[in-house]
Amino acid sequence: MIKTPCLGVQGQNPDHIFWVNRLASEMPMTNAHELVERARMFEERAERATDPISRQHYREMAAHYRALSMEHRETERELEH
């Protein structure tokens, strides 16, 4: 099981996110471009953060998504061969 974020249900705050358990087979495949975009988003948040703890957290998240995008690309290349 994997915990994934889901948007709030109809009638609730649209910004509300909750976590649900899903099987890996139920997860949509994310492409490397989406992961790079998430990394960019976290870098922007890091630049705007006013406190050092948040800034560091956002930079770590950006690095995490960049690493995931590289792994994703490597997996795609392996599957092509």
PDB file of N, CA and C in Angstrom:
ATOM      1  N   MET A   1       0.840  -1.186   0.000  1.00  0.00           N
ATOM      2  CA  MET A   1       0.000   0.000   0.000  1.00  0.00           C
ATOM      3  C   MET A   1       0.884   1.250   0.000  1.00  0.00           C
ATOM      4  N   ILE A   2       0.403   2.261  -0.696  1.00  0.00           N
ATOM      5  CA  ILE A   2       1.098   3.535  -0.779  1.00  0.00           C
ATOM      6  C   ILE A   2       0.127   4.613  -0.361  1.00  0.00           C
ATOM      7  N   LYS A   3       0.606   5.565   0.447  1.00  0.00           N
ATOM      8  CA  LYS A   3      -0.245   6.694   0.825  1.00  0.00           C
ATOM      9  C   LYS A   3      -0.102   7.767  -0.238  1.00  0.00           C
ATOM     10  N   THR A   4      -1.230   8.240  -0.776  1.00  0.00           N
ATOM     11  CA  THR A   4      -1.212   9.269  -1.806  1.00  0.00           C
ATOM     12  C   THR A   4      -2.146  10.407  -1.423  1.00  0.00           C
ATOM     13  N   PRO A   5      -1.776  11.639  -1.810  1.00  0.00           N
ATOM     14  CA  PRO A   5      -2.655  12.767  -1.512  1.00  0.00           C
ATOM     15  C   PRO A   5      -3.849  12.782  -2.452  1.00  0.00           C
ATOM     16  N   CYS A   6      -5.001  13.143  -1.926  1.00  0.00           N
ATOM     17  CA  CYS A   6      -6.218  13.288  -2.728  1.00  0.00           C
ATOM     18  C   CYS A   6      -6.848  14.625  -2.384  1.00  0.00           C
ATOM     19  N   LEU A   7      -7.448  15.247  -3.382  1.00  0.00           N
ATOM     20  CA  LEU A   7      -8.135  16.511  -3.139  1.00  0.00           C
ATOM     21  C   LEU A   7      -9.391  16.256  -2.336  1.00  0.00           C
ATOM     22  N   GLY A   8      -9.823  17.270  -1.624  1.00  0.00           N
ATOM     23  CA  GLY A   8     -11.034  17.154  -0.820  1.00  0.00           C
ATOM     24  C   GLY A   8     -12.248  16.788  -1.651  1.00  0.00           C
ATOM     25  N   VAL A   9     -13.250  16.225  -1.020  1.00  0.00           N
ATOM     26  CA  VAL A   9     -14.469  15.823  -1.717  1.00  0.00           C
ATOM     27  C   VAL A   9     -15.382  17.019  -1.924  1.00  0.00           C
ATOM     28  N   GLN A  10     -16.357  16.865  -2.802  1.00  0.00           N
ATOM     29  CA  GLN A  10     -17.268  17.948  -3.127  1.00  0.00           C
ATOM     30  C   GLN A  10     -17.941  18.471  -1.867  1.00  0.00           C
ATOM     31  N   GLY A  11     -18.009  19.781  -1.776  1.00  0.00           N
ATOM     32  CA  GLY A  11     -18.634  20.396  -0.619  1.00  0.00           C
ATOM     33  C   GLY A  11     -17.645  20.750   0.474  1.00  0.00           C
ATOM     34  N   GLN A  12     -16.419  20.271   0.358  1.00  0.00           N
ATOM     35  CA  GLN A  12     -15.396  20.610   1.338  1.00  0.00           C
ATOM     36  C   GLN A  12     -14.482  21.679   0.754  1.00  0.00           C
ATOM     37  N   ASN A  13     -13.596  22.161   1.573  1.00  0.00           N
ATOM     38  CA  ASN A  13     -12.614  23.137   1.148  1.00  0.00           C
ATOM     39  C   ASN A  13     -11.803  22.549  -0.007  1.00  0.00           C
ATOM     40  N   PRO A  14     -11.766  23.205  -1.186  1.00  0.00           N
ATOM     41  CA  PRO A  14     -11.035  22.644  -2.327  1.00  0.00           C
ATOM     42  C   PRO A  14      -9.533  22.577  -2.107  1.00  0.00           C
ATOM     43  N   ASP A  15      -9.023  23.332  -1.136  1.00  0.00           N
ATOM     44  CA  ASP A  15      -7.594  23.296  -0.846  1.00  0.00           C
ATOM     45  C   ASP A  15      -7.236  22.159   0.100  1.00  0.00           C
ATOM     46  N   HIS A  16      -8.239  21.514   0.665  1.00  0.00           N
ATOM     47  CA  HIS A  16      -8.007  20.436   1.618  1.00  0.00           C
ATOM     48  C   HIS A  16      -7.462  19.205   0.902  1.00  0.00           C
ATOM     49  N   ILE A  17      -6.405  18.649   1.428  1.00  0.00           N
ATOM     50  CA  ILE A  17      -5.823  17.426   0.884  1.00  0.00           C
ATOM     51  C   ILE A  17      -5.792  16.391   1.989  1.00  0.00           C
ATOM     52  N   PHE A  18      -6.159  15.167   1.674  1.00  0.00           N
ATOM     53  CA  PHE A  18      -6.067  14.097   2.653  1.00  0.00           C
ATOM     54  C   PHE A  18      -5.336  12.924   2.021  1.00  0.00           C
ATOM     55  N   TRP A  19      -4.881  11.998   2.839  1.00  0.00           N
ATOM     56  CA  TRP A  19      -4.085  10.873   2.367  1.00  0.00           C
ATOM     57  C   TRP A  19      -4.926   9.605   2.366  1.00  0.00           C
ATOM     58  N   VAL A  20      -4.785   8.815   1.318  1.00  0.00           N
ATOM     59  CA  VAL A  20      -5.476   7.529   1.234  1.00  0.00           C
ATOM     60  C   VAL A  20      -4.469   6.447   0.893  1.00  0.00           C
ATOM     61  N   ASN A  21      -4.787   5.221   1.274  1.00  0.00           N
ATOM     62  CA  ASN A  21      -3.942   4.090   0.922  1.00  0.00           C
ATOM     63  C   ASN A  21      -4.349   3.569  -0.447  1.00  0.00           C
ATOM     64  N   ARG A  22      -3.356   3.349  -1.297  1.00  0.00           N
ATOM     65  CA  ARG A  22      -3.606   2.807  -2.628  1.00  0.00           C
ATOM     66  C   ARG A  22      -2.544   1.767  -2.942  1.00  0.00           C
ATOM     67  N   LEU A  23      -2.921   0.825  -3.761  1.00  0.00           N
ATOM     68  CA  LEU A  23      -1.953  -0.142  -4.260  1.00  0.00           C
ATOM     69  C   LEU A  23      -1.098   0.542  -5.319  1.00  0.00           C
ATOM     70  N   ALA A  24       0.152   0.106  -5.449  1.00  0.00           N
ATOM     71  CA  ALA A  24       1.035   0.707  -6.453  1.00  0.00           C
ATOM     72  C   ALA A  24       0.436   0.585  -7.851  1.00  0.00           C
ATOM     73  N   SER A  25      -0.278  -0.490  -8.123  1.00  0.00           N
ATOM     74  CA  SER A  25      -0.882  -0.680  -9.445  1.00  0.00           C
ATOM     75  C   SER A  25      -1.993   0.320  -9.731  1.00  0.00           C
ATOM     76  N   GLU A  26      -2.539   0.958  -8.690  1.00  0.00           N
ATOM     77  CA  GLU A  26      -3.598   1.952  -8.862  1.00  0.00           C
ATOM     78  C   GLU A  26      -3.046   3.354  -9.085  1.00  0.00           C
ATOM     79  N   MET A  27      -1.747   3.511  -8.914  1.00  0.00           N
ATOM     80  CA  MET A  27      -1.129   4.832  -9.015  1.00  0.00           C
ATOM     81  C   MET A  27      -0.925   5.214 -10.471  1.00  0.00           C
ATOM     82  N   PRO A  28      -1.270   6.448 -10.834  1.00  0.00           N
ATOM     83  CA  PRO A  28      -0.995   6.877 -12.203  1.00  0.00           C
ATOM     84  C   PRO A  28       0.509   7.035 -12.407  1.00  0.00           C
ATOM     85  N   MET A  29       0.984   6.741 -13.603  1.00  0.00           N
ATOM     86  CA  MET A  29       2.402   6.865 -13.906  1.00  0.00           C
ATOM     87  C   MET A  29       2.745   8.338 -14.065  1.00  0.00           C
ATOM     88  N   THR A  30       3.710   8.817 -13.332  1.00  0.00           N
ATOM     89  CA  THR A  30       4.164  10.194 -13.423  1.00  0.00           C
ATOM     90  C   THR A  30       5.312  10.230 -14.420  1.00  0.00           C
ATOM     91  N   ASN A  31       5.326  11.233 -15.286  1.00  0.00           N
ATOM     92  CA  ASN A  31       6.450  11.312 -16.212  1.00  0.00           C
ATOM     93  C   ASN A  31       7.546  12.196 -15.633  1.00  0.00           C
ATOM     94  N   ALA A  32       8.725  12.079 -16.199  1.00  0.00           N
ATOM     95  CA  ALA A  32       9.889  12.798 -15.683  1.00  0.00           C
ATOM     96  C   ALA A  32       9.669  14.304 -15.730  1.00  0.00           C
ATOM     97  N   HIS A  33       8.970  14.775 -16.746  1.00  0.00           N
ATOM     98  CA  HIS A  33       8.718  16.213 -16.868  1.00  0.00           C
ATOM     99  C   HIS A  33       7.905  16.732 -15.676  1.00  0.00           C
ATOM    100  N   GLU A  34       6.904  15.983 -15.238  1.00  0.00           N
ATOM    101  CA  GLU A  34       6.098  16.388 -14.082  1.00  0.00           C
ATOM    102  C   GLU A  34       6.952  16.453 -12.823  1.00  0.00           C
ATOM    103  N   LEU A  35       7.871  15.518 -12.673  1.00  0.00           N
ATOM    104  CA  LEU A  35       8.744  15.510 -11.503  1.00  0.00           C
ATOM    105  C   LEU A  35       9.682  16.715 -11.517  1.00  0.00           C
ATOM    106  N   VAL A  36      10.199  17.063 -12.685  1.00  0.00           N
ATOM    107  CA  VAL A  36      11.065  18.243 -12.806  1.00  0.00           C
ATOM    108  C   VAL A  36      10.268  19.501 -12.474  1.00  0.00           C
ATOM    109  N   GLU A  37       9.023  19.549 -12.909  1.00  0.00           N
ATOM    110  CA  GLU A  37       8.167  20.701 -12.609  1.00  0.00           C
ATOM    111  C   GLU A  37       7.929  20.825 -11.107  1.00  0.00           C
ATOM    112  N   ARG A  38       7.711  19.716 -10.435  1.00  0.00           N
ATOM    113  CA  ARG A  38       7.550  19.755  -8.977  1.00  0.00           C
ATOM    114  C   ARG A  38       8.823  20.245  -8.300  1.00  0.00           C
ATOM    115  N   ALA A  39       9.971  19.809  -8.804  1.00  0.00           N
ATOM    116  CA  ALA A  39      11.248  20.275  -8.250  1.00  0.00           C
ATOM    117  C   ALA A  39      11.366  21.790  -8.403  1.00  0.00           C
ATOM    118  N   ARG A  40      11.000  22.306  -9.584  1.00  0.00           N
ATOM    119  CA  ARG A  40      11.056  23.747  -9.823  1.00  0.00           C
ATOM    120  C   ARG A  40      10.135  24.496  -8.864  1.00  0.00           C
ATOM    121  N   MET A  41       8.941  23.939  -8.645  1.00  0.00           N
ATOM    122  CA  MET A  41       7.985  24.557  -7.739  1.00  0.00           C
ATOM    123  C   MET A  41       8.568  24.655  -6.319  1.00  0.00           C
ATOM    124  N   PHE A  42       9.218  23.573  -5.859  1.00  0.00           N
ATOM    125  CA  PHE A  42       9.792  23.609  -4.519  1.00  0.00           C
ATOM    126  C   PHE A  42      10.989  24.562  -4.439  1.00  0.00           C
ATOM    127  N   GLU A  43      11.761  24.679  -5.517  1.00  0.00           N
ATOM    128  CA  GLU A  43      12.859  25.654  -5.524  1.00  0.00           C
ATOM    129  C   GLU A  43      12.312  27.070  -5.388  1.00  0.00           C
ATOM    130  N   GLU A  44      11.205  27.351  -6.081  1.00  0.00           N
ATOM    131  CA  GLU A  44      10.585  28.670  -5.961  1.00  0.00           C
ATOM    132  C   GLU A  44      10.100  28.916  -4.538  1.00  0.00           C
ATOM    133  N   ARG A  45       9.508  27.909  -3.926  1.00  0.00           N
ATOM    134  CA  ARG A  45       9.056  28.055  -2.539  1.00  0.00           C
ATOM    135  C   ARG A  45      10.244  28.310  -1.616  1.00  0.00           C
ATOM    136  N   ALA A  46      11.357  27.628  -1.880  1.00  0.00           N
ATOM    137  CA  ALA A  46      12.551  27.828  -1.053  1.00  0.00           C
ATOM    138  C   ALA A  46      13.041  29.266  -1.158  1.00  0.00           C
ATOM    139  N   GLU A  47      13.013  29.821  -2.358  1.00  0.00           N
ATOM    140  CA  GLU A  47      13.458  31.205  -2.548  1.00  0.00           C
ATOM    141  C   GLU A  47      12.561  32.193  -1.826  1.00  0.00           C
ATOM    142  N   ARG A  48      11.267  31.882  -1.718  1.00  0.00           N
ATOM    143  CA  ARG A  48      10.321  32.791  -1.055  1.00  0.00           C
ATOM    144  C   ARG A  48      10.225  32.573   0.459  1.00  0.00           C
ATOM    145  N   ALA A  49      10.727  31.443   0.940  1.00  0.00           N
ATOM    146  CA  ALA A  49      10.594  31.120   2.368  1.00  0.00           C
ATOM    147  C   ALA A  49      11.359  32.130   3.208  1.00  0.00           C
ATOM    148  N   THR A  50      10.739  32.518   4.318  1.00  0.00           N
ATOM    149  CA  THR A  50      11.368  33.517   5.180  1.00  0.00           C
ATOM    150  C   THR A  50      12.169  32.894   6.313  1.00  0.00           C
ATOM    151  N   ASP A  51      11.846  31.660   6.672  1.00  0.00           N
ATOM    152  CA  ASP A  51      12.603  31.035   7.766  1.00  0.00           C
ATOM    153  C   ASP A  51      13.513  29.934   7.217  1.00  0.00           C
ATOM    154  N   PRO A  52      14.667  29.738   7.850  1.00  0.00           N
ATOM    155  CA  PRO A  52      15.654  28.784   7.346  1.00  0.00           C
ATOM    156  C   PRO A  52      15.180  27.329   7.345  1.00  0.00           C
ATOM    157  N   ILE A  53      14.331  26.940   8.272  1.00  0.00           N
ATOM    158  CA  ILE A  53      13.859  25.555   8.327  1.00  0.00           C
ATOM    159  C   ILE A  53      12.980  25.255   7.115  1.00  0.00           C
ATOM    160  N   SER A  54      12.060  26.143   6.801  1.00  0.00           N
ATOM    161  CA  SER A  54      11.207  25.956   5.621  1.00  0.00           C
ATOM    162  C   SER A  54      12.040  25.971   4.348  1.00  0.00           C
ATOM    163  N   ARG A  55      12.979  26.905   4.266  1.00  0.00           N
ATOM    164  CA  ARG A  55      13.834  27.004   3.090  1.00  0.00           C
ATOM    165  C   ARG A  55      14.582  25.688   2.860  1.00  0.00           C
ATOM    166  N   GLN A  56      15.151  25.134   3.930  1.00  0.00           N
ATOM    167  CA  GLN A  56      15.878  23.872   3.825  1.00  0.00           C
ATOM    168  C   GLN A  56      14.946  22.727   3.430  1.00  0.00           C
ATOM    169  N   HIS A  57      13.765  22.681   4.011  1.00  0.00           N
ATOM    170  CA  HIS A  57      12.792  21.633   3.679  1.00  0.00           C
ATOM    171  C   HIS A  57      12.443  21.681   2.196  1.00  0.00           C
ATOM    172  N   TYR A  58      12.142  22.867   1.675  1.00  0.00           N
ATOM    173  CA  TYR A  58      11.773  23.000   0.275  1.00  0.00           C
ATOM    174  C   TYR A  58      12.932  22.618  -0.646  1.00  0.00           C
ATOM    175  N   ARG A  59      14.150  22.962  -0.264  1.00  0.00           N
ATOM    176  CA  ARG A  59      15.307  22.574  -1.079  1.00  0.00           C
ATOM    177  C   ARG A  59      15.496  21.058  -1.083  1.00  0.00           C
ATOM    178  N   GLU A  60      15.269  20.436   0.065  1.00  0.00           N
ATOM    179  CA  GLU A  60      15.365  18.973   0.130  1.00  0.00           C
ATOM    180  C   GLU A  60      14.284  18.317  -0.730  1.00  0.00           C
ATOM    181  N   MET A  61      13.082  18.870  -0.714  1.00  0.00           N
ATOM    182  CA  MET A  61      12.007  18.325  -1.541  1.00  0.00           C
ATOM    183  C   MET A  61      12.344  18.488  -3.025  1.00  0.00           C
ATOM    184  N   ALA A  62      12.900  19.631  -3.398  1.00  0.00           N
ATOM    185  CA  ALA A  62      13.294  19.851  -4.788  1.00  0.00           C
ATOM    186  C   ALA A  62      14.353  18.830  -5.208  1.00  0.00           C
ATOM    187  N   ALA A  63      15.327  18.598  -4.358  1.00  0.00           N
ATOM    188  CA  ALA A  63      16.371  17.612  -4.664  1.00  0.00           C
ATOM    189  C   ALA A  63      15.769  16.216  -4.790  1.00  0.00           C
ATOM    190  N   HIS A  64      14.823  15.904  -3.948  1.00  0.00           N
ATOM    191  CA  HIS A  64      14.155  14.604  -3.991  1.00  0.00           C
ATOM    192  C   HIS A  64      13.442  14.410  -5.338  1.00  0.00           C
ATOM    193  N   TYR A  65      12.704  15.406  -5.784  1.00  0.00           N
ATOM    194  CA  TYR A  65      11.984  15.291  -7.048  1.00  0.00           C
ATOM    195  C   TYR A  65      12.935  15.252  -8.242  1.00  0.00           C
ATOM    196  N   ARG A  66      14.058  15.975  -8.172  1.00  0.00           N
ATOM    197  CA  ARG A  66      15.046  15.882  -9.249  1.00  0.00           C
ATOM    198  C   ARG A  66      15.619  14.468  -9.326  1.00  0.00           C
ATOM    199  N   ALA A  67      15.912  13.870  -8.165  1.00  0.00           N
ATOM    200  CA  ALA A  67      16.432  12.503  -8.135  1.00  0.00           C
ATOM    201  C   ALA A  67      15.396  11.525  -8.686  1.00  0.00           C
ATOM    202  N   LEU A  68      14.132  11.701  -8.316  1.00  0.00           N
ATOM    203  CA  LEU A  68      13.077  10.837  -8.842  1.00  0.00           C
ATOM    204  C   LEU A  68      12.963  10.952 -10.360  1.00  0.00           C
ATOM    205  N   SER A  69      13.103  12.160 -10.883  1.00  0.00           N
ATOM    206  CA  SER A  69      13.001  12.332 -12.332  1.00  0.00           C
ATOM    207  C   SER A  69      14.142  11.615 -13.043  1.00  0.00           C
ATOM    208  N   MET A  70      15.329  11.648 -12.467  1.00  0.00           N
ATOM    209  CA  MET A  70      16.462  10.940 -13.062  1.00  0.00           C
ATOM    210  C   MET A  70      16.233   9.429 -13.025  1.00  0.00           C
ATOM    211  N   GLU A  71      15.739   8.918 -11.903  1.00  0.00           N
ATOM    212  CA  GLU A  71      15.435   7.492 -11.807  1.00  0.00           C
ATOM    213  C   GLU A  71      14.362   7.100 -12.818  1.00  0.00           C
ATOM    214  N   HIS A  72      13.372   7.951 -12.977  1.00  0.00           N
ATOM    215  CA  HIS A  72      12.284   7.687 -13.909  1.00  0.00           C
ATOM    216  C   HIS A  72      12.823   7.592 -15.334  1.00  0.00           C
ATOM    217  N   ARG A  73      13.694   8.531 -15.697  1.00  0.00           N
ATOM    218  CA  ARG A  73      14.279   8.511 -17.046  1.00  0.00           C
ATOM    219  C   ARG A  73      15.103   7.246 -17.269  1.00  0.00           C
ATOM    220  N   GLU A  74      15.882   6.852 -16.253  1.00  0.00           N
ATOM    221  CA  GLU A  74      16.684   5.632 -16.367  1.00  0.00           C
ATOM    222  C   GLU A  74      15.787   4.406 -16.559  1.00  0.00           C
ATOM    223  N   THR A  75      14.696   4.350 -15.817  1.00  0.00           N
ATOM    224  CA  THR A  75      13.764   3.226 -15.938  1.00  0.00           C
ATOM    225  C   THR A  75      13.136   3.200 -17.325  1.00  0.00           C
ATOM    226  N   GLU A  76      12.761   4.374 -17.836  1.00  0.00           N
ATOM    227  CA  GLU A  76      12.190   4.432 -19.176  1.00  0.00           C
ATOM    228  C   GLU A  76      13.182   3.927 -20.222  1.00  0.00           C
ATOM    229  N   ARG A  77      14.468   4.304 -20.074  1.00  0.00           N
ATOM    230  CA  ARG A  77      15.479   3.836 -21.028  1.00  0.00           C
ATOM    231  C   ARG A  77      15.640   2.323 -20.955  1.00  0.00           C
ATOM    232  N   GLU A  78      15.613   1.768 -19.737  1.00  0.00           N
ATOM    233  CA  GLU A  78      15.743   0.323 -19.574  1.00  0.00           C
ATOM    234  C   GLU A  78      14.572  -0.411 -20.214  1.00  0.00           C
ATOM    235  N   LEU A  79      13.382   0.145 -20.087  1.00  0.00           N
ATOM    236  CA  LEU A  79      12.203  -0.491 -20.653  1.00  0.00           C
ATOM    237  C   LEU A  79      12.185  -0.437 -22.179  1.00  0.00           C
ATOM    238  N   GLU A  80      12.835   0.579 -22.735  1.00  0.00           N
ATOM    239  CA  GLU A  80      12.894   0.707 -24.186  1.00  0.00           C
ATOM    240  C   GLU A  80      13.777  -0.360 -24.813  1.00  0.00           C
ATOM    241  N   HIS A  81      14.747  -0.870 -24.071  1.00  0.00           N
ATOM    242  CA  HIS A  81      15.695  -1.860 -24.630  1.00  0.00           C
ATOM    243  C   HIS A  81      15.233  -3.244 -24.410  1.00  0.00           C
TER     244      HIS A  81
END
